[in-house]
Amino acid sequence: MLNNTFSIAGKDYRQIAPLFLRLIIGFGFMAHGWTKLSRGPGGFEKLLTQLNVPFPHLMSWITPLVEVFGGAAIFLGIFVSITAIPLIVTMMVAMFGIHIHYGFSSIKTIGLTPQGPLFGPPGYEITLLYICGLISLLVSGSGKFSIDAILSKRHDQDQEH
């Protein structure tokens, strides 16, 4: 019964599911990291200083670089199990350092102006979704359509010869 649930006409599509997680998680990290880098790390350094993060100047560079390159690795599906760890740590710092104080919801309408709704600071919902998605990739692997799968296939072929 379970095999029929995840198959259509006898084909198993479970290994395609991580692709969708990887694409959105990888793109999201790259976009957020690039935003921090393109605006210059000075503003991000001020935020880290207010949060009492150790070595804020160094971390204002390391964090966006981890997000950009880690996001690219997740997006492509290379070294996903290794790459997920620093990205989870980054999200946990963001969640417990900033977002936890604003509750769960990522969207808080706090007013309405003639230009449209006015939103308050986001809660921890999105950071938690990123963490859960990365944990899912750790558990399931990067899937069939990934560089990890290609490397694994080559390794298996080399072992046979």
N, C-alpha and C. Protein backbone atom coordinates (compact mmCIF):
# COMPACT_ATOMS: atom_id res chain seq x y z
N MET A 1 0.83 -1.20 0.00
CA MET A 1 0.00 0.00 0.00
C MET A 1 0.87 1.26 0.00
N LEU A 2 1.90 1.29 0.86
CA LEU A 2 2.74 2.48 0.96
C LEU A 2 3.47 2.75 -0.35
N ASN A 3 3.94 1.70 -1.02
CA ASN A 3 4.62 1.90 -2.29
C ASN A 3 3.70 2.50 -3.34
N ASN A 4 2.43 2.15 -3.31
CA ASN A 4 1.47 2.71 -4.26
C ASN A 4 1.20 4.18 -3.99
N THR A 5 1.32 4.59 -2.74
CA THR A 5 1.07 5.98 -2.37
C THR A 5 2.07 6.91 -3.04
N PHE A 6 3.32 6.48 -3.15
CA PHE A 6 4.38 7.32 -3.68
C PHE A 6 4.78 6.96 -5.10
N SER A 7 3.93 6.25 -5.79
CA SER A 7 4.29 5.89 -7.16
C SER A 7 3.11 6.10 -8.09
N ILE A 8 3.44 6.44 -9.30
CA ILE A 8 2.44 6.57 -10.35
C ILE A 8 2.90 5.67 -11.48
N ALA A 9 2.09 4.72 -11.85
CA ALA A 9 2.41 3.78 -12.91
C ALA A 9 3.73 3.06 -12.61
N GLY A 10 3.95 2.72 -11.33
CA GLY A 10 5.13 1.95 -10.96
C GLY A 10 6.42 2.74 -10.83
N LYS A 11 6.37 4.04 -10.99
CA LYS A 11 7.58 4.85 -10.87
C LYS A 11 7.62 5.49 -9.49
N ASP A 12 8.81 5.54 -8.92
CA ASP A 12 8.99 6.09 -7.60
C ASP A 12 9.47 7.54 -7.72
N TYR A 13 8.68 8.49 -7.24
CA TYR A 13 8.99 9.90 -7.37
C TYR A 13 9.50 10.53 -6.08
N ARG A 14 9.73 9.72 -5.04
CA ARG A 14 10.16 10.28 -3.75
C ARG A 14 11.49 11.02 -3.84
N GLN A 15 12.38 10.60 -4.72
CA GLN A 15 13.69 11.24 -4.81
C GLN A 15 13.64 12.57 -5.56
N ILE A 16 12.48 12.95 -6.08
CA ILE A 16 12.33 14.25 -6.73
C ILE A 16 11.96 15.32 -5.70
N ALA A 17 11.30 14.92 -4.62
CA ALA A 17 10.83 15.88 -3.61
C ALA A 17 11.93 16.79 -3.06
N PRO A 18 13.13 16.28 -2.77
CA PRO A 18 14.16 17.20 -2.24
C PRO A 18 14.55 18.31 -3.22
N LEU A 19 14.34 18.10 -4.50
CA LEU A 19 14.67 19.12 -5.49
C LEU A 19 13.92 20.42 -5.18
N PHE A 20 12.65 20.32 -4.89
CA PHE A 20 11.84 21.52 -4.65
C PHE A 20 12.28 22.25 -3.37
N LEU A 21 12.60 21.48 -2.34
CA LEU A 21 13.12 22.09 -1.11
C LEU A 21 14.45 22.78 -1.40
N ARG A 22 15.33 22.08 -2.11
CA ARG A 22 16.66 22.65 -2.40
C ARG A 22 16.56 23.93 -3.20
N LEU A 23 15.70 23.97 -4.19
CA LEU A 23 15.60 25.16 -5.05
C LEU A 23 15.16 26.39 -4.27
N ILE A 24 14.12 26.27 -3.46
CA ILE A 24 13.63 27.45 -2.75
C ILE A 24 14.53 27.82 -1.58
N ILE A 25 15.02 26.83 -0.85
CA ILE A 25 15.91 27.12 0.28
C ILE A 25 17.22 27.71 -0.23
N GLY A 26 17.79 27.10 -1.26
CA GLY A 26 19.04 27.61 -1.81
C GLY A 26 18.90 29.01 -2.35
N PHE A 27 17.83 29.24 -3.12
CA PHE A 27 17.61 30.58 -3.66
C PHE A 27 17.40 31.61 -2.54
N GLY A 28 16.63 31.23 -1.52
CA GLY A 28 16.36 32.13 -0.41
C GLY A 28 17.64 32.55 0.31
N PHE A 29 18.49 31.59 0.59
CA PHE A 29 19.76 31.93 1.25
C PHE A 29 20.64 32.80 0.36
N MET A 30 20.72 32.47 -0.92
CA MET A 30 21.53 33.29 -1.83
C MET A 30 21.00 34.72 -1.88
N ALA A 31 19.68 34.87 -1.96
CA ALA A 31 19.08 36.21 -2.05
C ALA A 31 19.35 37.02 -0.78
N HIS A 32 19.18 36.41 0.38
CA HIS A 32 19.40 37.14 1.63
C HIS A 32 20.88 37.47 1.84
N GLY A 33 21.74 36.52 1.51
CA GLY A 33 23.18 36.78 1.64
C GLY A 33 23.65 37.86 0.69
N TRP A 34 23.15 37.81 -0.55
CA TRP A 34 23.54 38.81 -1.54
C TRP A 34 23.06 40.21 -1.13
N THR A 35 21.87 40.29 -0.57
CA THR A 35 21.36 41.58 -0.10
C THR A 35 22.29 42.16 0.96
N LYS A 36 22.73 41.35 1.89
CA LYS A 36 23.64 41.83 2.94
C LYS A 36 24.97 42.29 2.33
N LEU A 37 25.50 41.53 1.38
CA LEU A 37 26.77 41.89 0.76
C LEU A 37 26.65 43.13 -0.12
N SER A 38 25.57 43.22 -0.88
CA SER A 38 25.44 44.32 -1.83
C SER A 38 25.19 45.66 -1.13
N ARG A 39 24.61 45.63 0.06
CA ARG A 39 24.38 46.86 0.83
C ARG A 39 25.61 47.24 1.65
N GLY A 40 26.58 46.35 1.66
CA GLY A 40 27.77 46.56 2.49
C GLY A 40 27.54 45.99 3.87
N PRO A 41 28.56 45.42 4.46
CA PRO A 41 28.38 44.74 5.74
C PRO A 41 28.24 45.69 6.94
N GLY A 42 28.42 46.99 6.75
CA GLY A 42 28.36 47.95 7.86
C GLY A 42 27.04 47.94 8.60
N GLY A 43 25.95 47.98 7.89
CA GLY A 43 24.63 47.97 8.53
C GLY A 43 24.36 46.67 9.25
N PHE A 44 24.76 45.57 8.63
CA PHE A 44 24.58 44.26 9.26
C PHE A 44 25.46 44.15 10.50
N GLU A 45 26.64 44.74 10.43
CA GLU A 45 27.54 44.75 11.60
C GLU A 45 26.89 45.48 12.77
N LYS A 46 26.21 46.58 12.52
CA LYS A 46 25.51 47.32 13.59
C LYS A 46 24.44 46.44 14.24
N LEU A 47 23.69 45.71 13.42
CA LEU A 47 22.67 44.81 13.94
C LEU A 47 23.31 43.74 14.81
N LEU A 48 24.40 43.14 14.35
CA LEU A 48 25.08 42.11 15.11
C LEU A 48 25.63 42.65 16.43
N THR A 49 26.11 43.90 16.40
CA THR A 49 26.62 44.55 17.61
C THR A 49 25.48 44.72 18.62
N GLN A 50 24.30 45.17 18.17
CA GLN A 50 23.15 45.33 19.06
C GLN A 50 22.72 44.01 19.67
N LEU A 51 22.93 42.91 18.92
CA LEU A 51 22.55 41.58 19.42
C LEU A 51 23.63 40.95 20.28
N ASN A 52 24.74 41.68 20.47
CA ASN A 52 25.87 41.19 21.24
C ASN A 52 26.48 39.92 20.65
N VAL A 53 26.45 39.81 19.33
CA VAL A 53 27.10 38.69 18.66
C VAL A 53 28.61 38.93 18.75
N PRO A 54 29.37 37.90 19.16
CA PRO A 54 30.81 38.09 19.25
C PRO A 54 31.42 38.38 17.87
N PHE A 55 32.45 39.20 17.84
CA PHE A 55 33.18 39.55 16.61
C PHE A 55 32.24 40.03 15.50
N PRO A 56 31.45 41.08 15.77
CA PRO A 56 30.44 41.51 14.79
C PRO A 56 31.04 41.89 13.43
N HIS A 57 32.22 42.48 13.40
CA HIS A 57 32.82 42.86 12.11
C HIS A 57 33.11 41.61 11.27
N LEU A 58 33.72 40.62 11.89
CA LEU A 58 34.03 39.37 11.20
C LEU A 58 32.75 38.63 10.80
N MET A 59 31.80 38.57 11.71
CA MET A 59 30.54 37.86 11.44
C MET A 59 29.70 38.57 10.39
N SER A 60 29.87 39.90 10.24
CA SER A 60 29.12 40.62 9.21
C SER A 60 29.59 40.24 7.81
N TRP A 61 30.75 39.66 7.72
CA TRP A 61 31.25 39.13 6.44
C TRP A 61 30.99 37.63 6.32
N ILE A 62 31.25 36.89 7.39
CA ILE A 62 31.11 35.43 7.33
C ILE A 62 29.66 35.03 7.07
N THR A 63 28.72 35.64 7.77
CA THR A 63 27.32 35.25 7.65
C THR A 63 26.80 35.37 6.21
N PRO A 64 26.94 36.53 5.54
CA PRO A 64 26.43 36.58 4.17
C PRO A 64 27.20 35.67 3.21
N LEU A 65 28.48 35.46 3.44
CA LEU A 65 29.23 34.54 2.58
C LEU A 65 28.74 33.10 2.76
N VAL A 66 28.47 32.73 4.00
CA VAL A 66 27.90 31.40 4.27
C VAL A 66 26.54 31.28 3.59
N GLU A 67 25.75 32.35 3.66
CA GLU A 67 24.42 32.31 3.03
C GLU A 67 24.52 32.20 1.51
N VAL A 68 25.39 32.97 0.90
CA VAL A 68 25.50 32.95 -0.57
C VAL A 68 26.06 31.61 -1.06
N PHE A 69 27.21 31.22 -0.51
CA PHE A 69 27.84 29.99 -0.99
C PHE A 69 27.13 28.74 -0.49
N GLY A 70 26.63 28.78 0.75
CA GLY A 70 25.84 27.67 1.25
C GLY A 70 24.53 27.53 0.49
N GLY A 71 23.90 28.65 0.19
CA GLY A 71 22.67 28.62 -0.61
C GLY A 71 22.91 28.05 -2.00
N ALA A 72 24.03 28.42 -2.61
CA ALA A 72 24.37 27.88 -3.94
C ALA A 72 24.60 26.37 -3.87
N ALA A 73 25.27 25.93 -2.81
CA ALA A 73 25.51 24.49 -2.65
C ALA A 73 24.20 23.73 -2.45
N ILE A 74 23.31 24.27 -1.65
CA ILE A 74 21.99 23.63 -1.45
C ILE A 74 21.23 23.63 -2.77
N PHE A 75 21.22 24.76 -3.46
CA PHE A 75 20.51 24.89 -4.74
C PHE A 75 20.98 23.82 -5.73
N LEU A 76 22.29 23.63 -5.82
CA LEU A 76 22.86 22.66 -6.77
C LEU A 76 22.84 21.24 -6.23
N GLY A 77 22.69 21.10 -4.93
CA GLY A 77 22.66 19.76 -4.34
C GLY A 77 24.05 19.16 -4.19
N ILE A 78 25.02 19.97 -3.78
CA ILE A 78 26.37 19.46 -3.57
C ILE A 78 26.76 19.63 -2.10
N PHE A 79 27.21 18.54 -1.50
CA PHE A 79 27.61 18.52 -0.09
C PHE A 79 26.50 19.06 0.82
N VAL A 80 25.28 18.66 0.53
CA VAL A 80 24.10 19.18 1.25
C VAL A 80 24.17 18.85 2.74
N SER A 81 24.59 17.64 3.09
CA SER A 81 24.59 17.27 4.51
C SER A 81 25.61 18.08 5.31
N ILE A 82 26.69 18.50 4.68
CA ILE A 82 27.69 19.33 5.35
C ILE A 82 27.24 20.79 5.36
N THR A 83 26.76 21.26 4.23
CA THR A 83 26.38 22.66 4.06
C THR A 83 25.20 23.05 4.93
N ALA A 84 24.30 22.12 5.19
CA ALA A 84 23.10 22.43 5.96
C ALA A 84 23.42 22.87 7.39
N ILE A 85 24.48 22.35 7.96
CA ILE A 85 24.80 22.64 9.37
C ILE A 85 25.06 24.13 9.63
N PRO A 86 26.00 24.78 8.91
CA PRO A 86 26.19 26.21 9.19
C PRO A 86 24.97 27.06 8.84
N LEU A 87 24.19 26.62 7.87
CA LEU A 87 22.97 27.37 7.53
C LEU A 87 21.93 27.24 8.64
N ILE A 88 21.82 26.06 9.24
CA ILE A 88 20.92 25.89 10.38
C ILE A 88 21.37 26.76 11.54
N VAL A 89 22.66 26.80 11.80
CA VAL A 89 23.18 27.63 12.89
C VAL A 89 22.86 29.10 12.62
N THR A 90 23.04 29.54 11.38
CA THR A 90 22.72 30.92 11.00
C THR A 90 21.25 31.24 11.28
N MET A 91 20.38 30.31 10.91
CA MET A 91 18.94 30.53 11.13
C MET A 91 18.58 30.50 12.61
N MET A 92 19.27 29.67 13.38
CA MET A 92 18.98 29.61 14.82
C MET A 92 19.39 30.92 15.50
N VAL A 93 20.52 31.48 15.09
CA VAL A 93 20.94 32.77 15.64
C VAL A 93 19.91 33.84 15.29
N ALA A 94 19.45 33.85 14.03
CA ALA A 94 18.44 34.82 13.61
C ALA A 94 17.13 34.61 14.39
N MET A 95 16.74 33.36 14.55
CA MET A 95 15.47 33.07 15.21
C MET A 95 15.52 33.47 16.68
N PHE A 96 16.56 33.03 17.40
CA PHE A 96 16.61 33.30 18.84
C PHE A 96 17.14 34.69 19.16
N GLY A 97 17.89 35.29 18.24
CA GLY A 97 18.44 36.62 18.48
C GLY A 97 17.50 37.74 18.10
N ILE A 98 16.64 37.52 17.11
CA ILE A 98 15.79 38.59 16.61
C ILE A 98 14.31 38.20 16.61
N HIS A 99 13.98 37.20 15.82
CA HIS A 99 12.59 36.92 15.48
C HIS A 99 11.73 36.36 16.62
N ILE A 100 12.34 35.68 17.56
CA ILE A 100 11.58 35.05 18.64
C ILE A 100 10.80 36.08 19.46
N HIS A 101 11.31 37.30 19.54
CA HIS A 101 10.67 38.36 20.32
C HIS A 101 9.37 38.87 19.69
N TYR A 102 9.15 38.55 18.42
CA TYR A 102 7.98 39.06 17.70
C TYR A 102 6.91 37.99 17.49
N GLY A 103 7.04 36.85 18.16
CA GLY A 103 6.04 35.81 18.04
C GLY A 103 6.26 34.94 16.81
N PHE A 104 5.27 34.12 16.52
CA PHE A 104 5.39 33.13 15.45
C PHE A 104 5.21 33.72 14.05
N SER A 105 4.16 34.46 13.84
CA SER A 105 3.75 34.88 12.50
C SER A 105 4.80 35.73 11.78
N SER A 106 5.02 35.42 10.52
CA SER A 106 5.98 36.20 9.73
C SER A 106 5.33 37.45 9.13
N ILE A 107 4.01 37.52 9.17
CA ILE A 107 3.31 38.69 8.61
C ILE A 107 2.43 39.29 9.70
N LYS A 108 2.73 40.53 10.05
CA LYS A 108 1.96 41.24 11.06
C LYS A 108 1.49 42.57 10.48
N THR A 109 0.23 42.66 10.19
CA THR A 109 -0.32 43.91 9.72
C THR A 109 -0.56 44.79 10.95
N ILE A 110 0.10 45.96 10.97
CA ILE A 110 -0.03 46.84 12.13
C ILE A 110 -0.76 48.13 11.80
N GLY A 111 -1.12 48.29 10.55
CA GLY A 111 -1.83 49.49 10.17
C GLY A 111 -2.14 49.49 8.68
N LEU A 112 -2.91 50.47 8.29
CA LEU A 112 -3.27 50.62 6.89
C LEU A 112 -3.08 52.07 6.51
N THR A 113 -2.31 52.30 5.46
CA THR A 113 -2.07 53.65 4.96
C THR A 113 -2.71 53.78 3.59
N PRO A 114 -2.79 55.00 3.05
CA PRO A 114 -3.33 55.14 1.68
C PRO A 114 -2.52 54.36 0.65
N GLN A 115 -1.24 54.11 0.97
CA GLN A 115 -0.39 53.35 0.05
C GLN A 115 -0.56 51.84 0.21
N GLY A 116 -1.22 51.40 1.26
CA GLY A 116 -1.42 49.98 1.49
C GLY A 116 -1.14 49.60 2.92
N PRO A 117 -1.07 48.30 3.20
CA PRO A 117 -0.87 47.85 4.58
C PRO A 117 0.53 48.19 5.08
N LEU A 118 0.63 48.36 6.39
CA LEU A 118 1.90 48.61 7.07
C LEU A 118 2.21 47.37 7.91
N PHE A 119 3.40 46.82 7.72
CA PHE A 119 3.76 45.57 8.38
C PHE A 119 4.76 45.80 9.49
N GLY A 120 4.62 45.02 10.55
CA GLY A 120 5.55 45.05 11.67
C GLY A 120 6.67 44.05 11.47
N PRO A 121 7.54 43.94 12.46
CA PRO A 121 8.67 43.02 12.33
C PRO A 121 8.20 41.56 12.27
N PRO A 122 8.88 40.76 11.47
CA PRO A 122 8.45 39.36 11.30
C PRO A 122 8.81 38.50 12.51
N GLY A 123 7.97 37.52 12.76
CA GLY A 123 8.24 36.53 13.80
C GLY A 123 9.16 35.44 13.28
N TYR A 124 9.21 34.34 14.00
CA TYR A 124 10.17 33.28 13.69
C TYR A 124 9.66 32.22 12.72
N GLU A 125 8.51 32.40 12.15
CA GLU A 125 7.91 31.41 11.26
C GLU A 125 8.83 31.03 10.10
N ILE A 126 9.35 32.01 9.40
CA ILE A 126 10.17 31.74 8.21
C ILE A 126 11.50 31.10 8.59
N THR A 127 12.13 31.59 9.65
CA THR A 127 13.40 30.98 10.06
C THR A 127 13.18 29.53 10.46
N LEU A 128 12.08 29.24 11.12
CA LEU A 128 11.76 27.87 11.50
C LEU A 128 11.50 27.00 10.26
N LEU A 129 10.85 27.57 9.26
CA LEU A 129 10.63 26.83 8.02
C LEU A 129 11.96 26.49 7.33
N TYR A 130 12.89 27.45 7.30
CA TYR A 130 14.22 27.18 6.74
C TYR A 130 14.91 26.06 7.51
N ILE A 131 14.88 26.13 8.84
CA ILE A 131 15.52 25.10 9.66
C ILE A 131 14.91 23.74 9.37
N CYS A 132 13.59 23.66 9.35
CA CYS A 132 12.91 22.39 9.10
C CYS A 132 13.20 21.86 7.70
N GLY A 133 13.25 22.74 6.71
CA GLY A 133 13.59 22.32 5.35
C GLY A 133 15.00 21.77 5.28
N LEU A 134 15.94 22.43 5.95
CA LEU A 134 17.33 21.95 5.96
C LEU A 134 17.44 20.61 6.69
N ILE A 135 16.71 20.45 7.79
CA ILE A 135 16.71 19.16 8.49
C ILE A 135 16.12 18.08 7.60
N SER A 136 15.07 18.41 6.86
CA SER A 136 14.49 17.44 5.92
C SER A 136 15.51 17.01 4.88
N LEU A 137 16.30 17.95 4.38
CA LEU A 137 17.33 17.60 3.41
C LEU A 137 18.43 16.76 4.06
N LEU A 138 18.75 17.03 5.31
CA LEU A 138 19.72 16.20 6.03
C LEU A 138 19.23 14.76 6.14
N VAL A 139 17.94 14.60 6.43
CA VAL A 139 17.36 13.27 6.62
C VAL A 139 17.17 12.54 5.29
N SER A 140 16.64 13.24 4.29
CA SER A 140 16.29 12.59 3.02
C SER A 140 17.44 12.55 2.02
N GLY A 141 18.41 13.42 2.20
CA GLY A 141 19.47 13.55 1.19
C GLY A 141 19.05 14.58 0.16
N SER A 142 19.94 14.85 -0.76
CA SER A 142 19.70 15.91 -1.73
C SER A 142 18.85 15.48 -2.91
N GLY A 143 18.57 14.19 -3.02
CA GLY A 143 17.67 13.71 -4.05
C GLY A 143 18.35 13.30 -5.34
N LYS A 144 17.52 12.84 -6.23
CA LYS A 144 17.95 12.27 -7.52
C LYS A 144 18.61 13.30 -8.42
N PHE A 145 18.08 14.50 -8.46
CA PHE A 145 18.58 15.54 -9.36
C PHE A 145 19.50 16.49 -8.60
N SER A 146 20.68 15.99 -8.26
CA SER A 146 21.65 16.78 -7.50
C SER A 146 23.06 16.37 -7.90
N ILE A 147 23.98 17.23 -7.60
CA ILE A 147 25.39 16.90 -7.84
C ILE A 147 25.80 15.78 -6.89
N ASP A 148 25.28 15.77 -5.67
CA ASP A 148 25.56 14.68 -4.74
C ASP A 148 25.20 13.33 -5.34
N ALA A 149 24.06 13.24 -6.04
CA ALA A 149 23.64 11.98 -6.66
C ALA A 149 24.61 11.57 -7.77
N ILE A 150 25.07 12.54 -8.54
CA ILE A 150 26.04 12.25 -9.61
C ILE A 150 27.35 11.74 -9.00
N LEU A 151 27.82 12.41 -7.96
CA LEU A 151 29.06 12.00 -7.30
C LEU A 151 28.92 10.62 -6.68
N SER A 152 27.77 10.35 -6.08
CA SER A 152 27.53 9.05 -5.47
C SER A 152 27.51 7.95 -6.53
N LYS A 153 26.89 8.23 -7.66
CA LYS A 153 26.82 7.26 -8.75
C LYS A 153 28.23 6.95 -9.28
N ARG A 154 29.04 7.99 -9.45
CA ARG A 154 30.43 7.79 -9.91
C ARG A 154 31.23 6.99 -8.90
N HIS A 155 31.03 7.29 -7.61
CA HIS A 155 31.74 6.56 -6.56
C HIS A 155 31.36 5.09 -6.58
N ASP A 156 30.06 4.80 -6.75
CA ASP A 156 29.60 3.41 -6.81
C ASP A 156 30.18 2.68 -8.02
N GLN A 157 30.26 3.38 -9.16
CA GLN A 157 30.84 2.78 -10.37
C GLN A 157 32.32 2.50 -10.18
N ASP A 158 33.02 3.41 -9.52
CA ASP A 158 34.45 3.20 -9.26
C ASP A 158 34.66 2.01 -8.32
N GLN A 159 33.78 1.80 -7.38
CA GLN A 159 33.89 0.68 -6.46
C GLN A 159 33.68 -0.66 -7.16
N GLU A 160 32.86 -0.66 -8.21
CA GLU A 160 32.58 -1.90 -8.97
C GLU A 160 33.79 -2.32 -9.79
N HIS A 161 34.60 -1.37 -10.22
CA HIS A 161 35.73 -1.70 -11.10
C HIS A 161 36.95 -1.95 -10.32
